Amino acid sequence: MNVGQAVFAQIKEYGGEYALFLEILGRLRKNVLERGRTPAENKKIFEAVGNSEALDLVRGEKWDDARQVIVALSGENIDFGDLQMSSTLTPDANRTSER
């Protein structure tokens, strides 16, 4: 299972922060693939970001810190502007378990 699939599998269980992180990974993927690196280089970047603290920073709404981690690992600056203003991280009425 690749990083994107692993994150997607968690959306149903945990909700908003995973959906938001998946959106960020999608934007990152677009930028990384446009650079024309080898598939092995791309995989290394995606795994590094997926295994980093970026998700926890997104969960904590620490946008600048999350962006810095992603830039440090990928060399790509992802625009979070419209994402951080969304209501994606508001509590889900369907969520029954606490973390």
C-alpha atoms as a PDB file:
ATOM      1  CA  MET A   1       0.000   0.000   0.000  1.00  0.00           C
ATOM      2  CA  ASN A   2       1.437   3.380  -0.953  1.00  0.00           C
ATOM      3  CA  VAL A   3       1.297   6.495   1.204  1.00  0.00           C
ATOM      4  CA  GLY A   4      -1.735   7.972  -0.567  1.00  0.00           C
ATOM      5  CA  GLN A   5      -3.689   4.748  -0.162  1.00  0.00           C
ATOM      6  CA  ALA A   6      -2.725   4.501   3.505  1.00  0.00           C
ATOM      7  CA  VAL A   7      -3.857   8.053   4.204  1.00  0.00           C
ATOM      8  CA  PHE A   8      -7.075   7.545   2.234  1.00  0.00           C
ATOM      9  CA  ALA A   9      -7.818   4.411   4.282  1.00  0.00           C
ATOM     10  CA  GLN A  10      -7.699   6.507   7.455  1.00  0.00           C
ATOM     11  CA  ILE A  11     -10.200   9.147   6.264  1.00  0.00           C
ATOM     12  CA  LYS A  12     -13.235   7.044   7.121  1.00  0.00           C
ATOM     13  CA  GLU A  13     -11.931   6.316  10.600  1.00  0.00           C
ATOM     14  CA  TYR A  14     -10.579   9.721  11.603  1.00  0.00           C
ATOM     15  CA  GLY A  15     -12.180  12.346   9.394  1.00  0.00           C
ATOM     16  CA  GLY A  16     -11.262  15.860   8.414  1.00  0.00           C
ATOM     17  CA  GLU A  17      -7.547  16.124   9.042  1.00  0.00           C
ATOM     18  CA  TYR A  18      -6.884  13.088   6.861  1.00  0.00           C
ATOM     19  CA  ALA A  19      -9.063  14.460   4.067  1.00  0.00           C
ATOM     20  CA  LEU A  20      -7.200  17.752   4.290  1.00  0.00           C
ATOM     21  CA  PHE A  21      -3.816  16.020   4.331  1.00  0.00           C
ATOM     22  CA  LEU A  22      -4.816  13.983   1.301  1.00  0.00           C
ATOM     23  CA  GLU A  23      -5.690  17.207  -0.523  1.00  0.00           C
ATOM     24  CA  ILE A  24      -2.256  18.586   0.383  1.00  0.00           C
ATOM     25  CA  LEU A  25      -0.590  15.394  -0.866  1.00  0.00           C
ATOM     26  CA  GLY A  26      -2.535  15.709  -4.112  1.00  0.00           C
ATOM     27  CA  ARG A  27      -1.235  19.221  -4.625  1.00  0.00           C
ATOM     28  CA  LEU A  28       2.267  18.085  -3.741  1.00  0.00           C
ATOM     29  CA  ARG A  29       2.006  15.185  -6.186  1.00  0.00           C
ATOM     30  CA  LYS A  30       1.078  17.518  -9.037  1.00  0.00           C
ATOM     31  CA  ASN A  31       4.054  19.785  -8.331  1.00  0.00           C
ATOM     32  CA  VAL A  32       6.519  16.927  -7.854  1.00  0.00           C
ATOM     33  CA  LEU A  33       5.486  15.120 -11.038  1.00  0.00           C
ATOM     34  CA  GLU A  34       5.817  18.327 -13.062  1.00  0.00           C
ATOM     35  CA  ARG A  35       9.520  18.446 -12.128  1.00  0.00           C
ATOM     36  CA  GLY A  36      10.256  15.342 -14.193  1.00  0.00           C
ATOM     37  CA  ARG A  37      12.156  13.419 -11.542  1.00  0.00           C
ATOM     38  CA  THR A  38      12.465   9.659 -11.743  1.00  0.00           C
ATOM     39  CA  PRO A  39       9.712   7.515 -10.203  1.00  0.00           C
ATOM     40  CA  ALA A  40      12.174   6.396  -7.515  1.00  0.00           C
ATOM     41  CA  GLU A  41      12.949  10.009  -6.585  1.00  0.00           C
ATOM     42  CA  ASN A  42       9.233  10.853  -6.496  1.00  0.00           C
ATOM     43  CA  LYS A  43       8.491   7.856  -4.292  1.00  0.00           C
ATOM     44  CA  LYS A  44      11.190   8.898  -1.855  1.00  0.00           C
ATOM     45  CA  ILE A  45       9.656  12.387  -1.563  1.00  0.00           C
ATOM     46  CA  PHE A  46       6.094  11.118  -1.107  1.00  0.00           C
ATOM     47  CA  GLU A  47       7.129   8.578   1.512  1.00  0.00           C
ATOM     48  CA  ALA A  48       9.182  11.152   3.399  1.00  0.00           C
ATOM     49  CA  VAL A  49       6.264  13.588   3.562  1.00  0.00           C
ATOM     50  CA  GLY A  50       3.738  10.860   4.350  1.00  0.00           C
ATOM     51  CA  ASN A  51       5.888   9.536   7.176  1.00  0.00           C
ATOM     52  CA  SER A  52       6.740  12.977   8.557  1.00  0.00           C
ATOM     53  CA  GLU A  53       5.086  15.023  11.276  1.00  0.00           C
ATOM     54  CA  ALA A  54       3.198  17.015   8.614  1.00  0.00           C
ATOM     55  CA  LEU A  55      -0.098  15.249   9.347  1.00  0.00           C
ATOM     56  CA  ASP A  56       0.167  16.028  13.061  1.00  0.00           C
ATOM     57  CA  LEU A  57       0.918  19.645  12.227  1.00  0.00           C
ATOM     58  CA  VAL A  58      -2.120  19.812   9.939  1.00  0.00           C
ATOM     59  CA  ARG A  59      -4.210  18.255  12.698  1.00  0.00           C
ATOM     60  CA  GLY A  60      -3.004  21.004  15.038  1.00  0.00           C
ATOM     61  CA  GLU A  61      -3.655  23.635  12.363  1.00  0.00           C
ATOM     62  CA  LYS A  62       0.016  24.644  12.437  1.00  0.00           C
ATOM     63  CA  TRP A  63      -0.015  25.608   8.770  1.00  0.00           C
ATOM     64  CA  ASP A  64       3.372  27.332   8.557  1.00  0.00           C
ATOM     65  CA  ASP A  65       5.097  24.472  10.358  1.00  0.00           C
ATOM     66  CA  ALA A  66       3.419  21.888   8.108  1.00  0.00           C
ATOM     67  CA  ARG A  67       4.419  23.868   5.021  1.00  0.00           C
ATOM     68  CA  GLN A  68       8.021  24.123   6.259  1.00  0.00           C
ATOM     69  CA  VAL A  69       8.223  20.352   6.758  1.00  0.00           C
ATOM     70  CA  ILE A  70       6.829  19.695   3.293  1.00  0.00           C
ATOM     71  CA  VAL A  71       9.193  22.213   1.680  1.00  0.00           C
ATOM     72  CA  ALA A  72      12.182  20.763   3.550  1.00  0.00           C
ATOM     73  CA  LEU A  73      11.357  17.219   2.433  1.00  0.00           C
ATOM     74  CA  SER A  74      10.158  17.884  -1.094  1.00  0.00           C
ATOM     75  CA  GLY A  75      11.536  21.222  -2.203  1.00  0.00           C
ATOM     76  CA  GLU A  76       7.970  22.189  -3.161  1.00  0.00           C
ATOM     77  CA  ASN A  77       5.978  25.054  -1.677  1.00  0.00           C
ATOM     78  CA  ILE A  78       2.320  24.054  -1.469  1.00  0.00           C
ATOM     79  CA  ASP A  79      -0.340  26.757  -1.190  1.00  0.00           C
ATOM     80  CA  PHE A  80      -2.528  26.026   1.833  1.00  0.00           C
ATOM     81  CA  GLY A  81      -4.413  29.322   1.601  1.00  0.00           C
ATOM     82  CA  ASP A  82      -7.819  28.025   0.611  1.00  0.00           C
ATOM     83  CA  LEU A  83      -7.400  24.841   2.643  1.00  0.00           C
ATOM     84  CA  GLN A  84      -6.753  26.388   6.044  1.00  0.00           C
ATOM     85  CA  MET A  85      -9.782  28.632   5.660  1.00  0.00           C
ATOM     86  CA  SER A  86     -12.081  25.675   5.075  1.00  0.00           C
ATOM     87  CA  SER A  87     -14.153  23.987   7.747  1.00  0.00           C
ATOM     88  CA  THR A  88     -12.499  20.641   7.080  1.00  0.00           C
ATOM     89  CA  LEU A  89     -11.206  20.305  10.624  1.00  0.00           C
ATOM     90  CA  THR A  90     -14.458  21.068  12.378  1.00  0.00           C
ATOM     91  CA  PRO A  91     -15.708  18.186  14.510  1.00  0.00           C
ATOM     92  CA  ASP A  92     -17.537  15.553  12.525  1.00  0.00           C
ATOM     93  CA  ALA A  93     -21.005  14.809  13.844  1.00  0.00           C
ATOM     94  CA  ASN A  94     -20.538  11.190  12.785  1.00  0.00           C
ATOM     95  CA  ARG A  95     -17.290  10.759  14.715  1.00  0.00           C
ATOM     96  CA  THR A  96     -17.887   8.616  17.780  1.00  0.00           C
ATOM     97  CA  SER A  97     -14.442   7.916  19.134  1.00  0.00           C
ATOM     98  CA  GLU A  98     -11.971  10.229  20.788  1.00  0.00           C
ATOM     99  CA  ARG A  99      -8.259  10.080  19.970  1.00  0.00           C
END
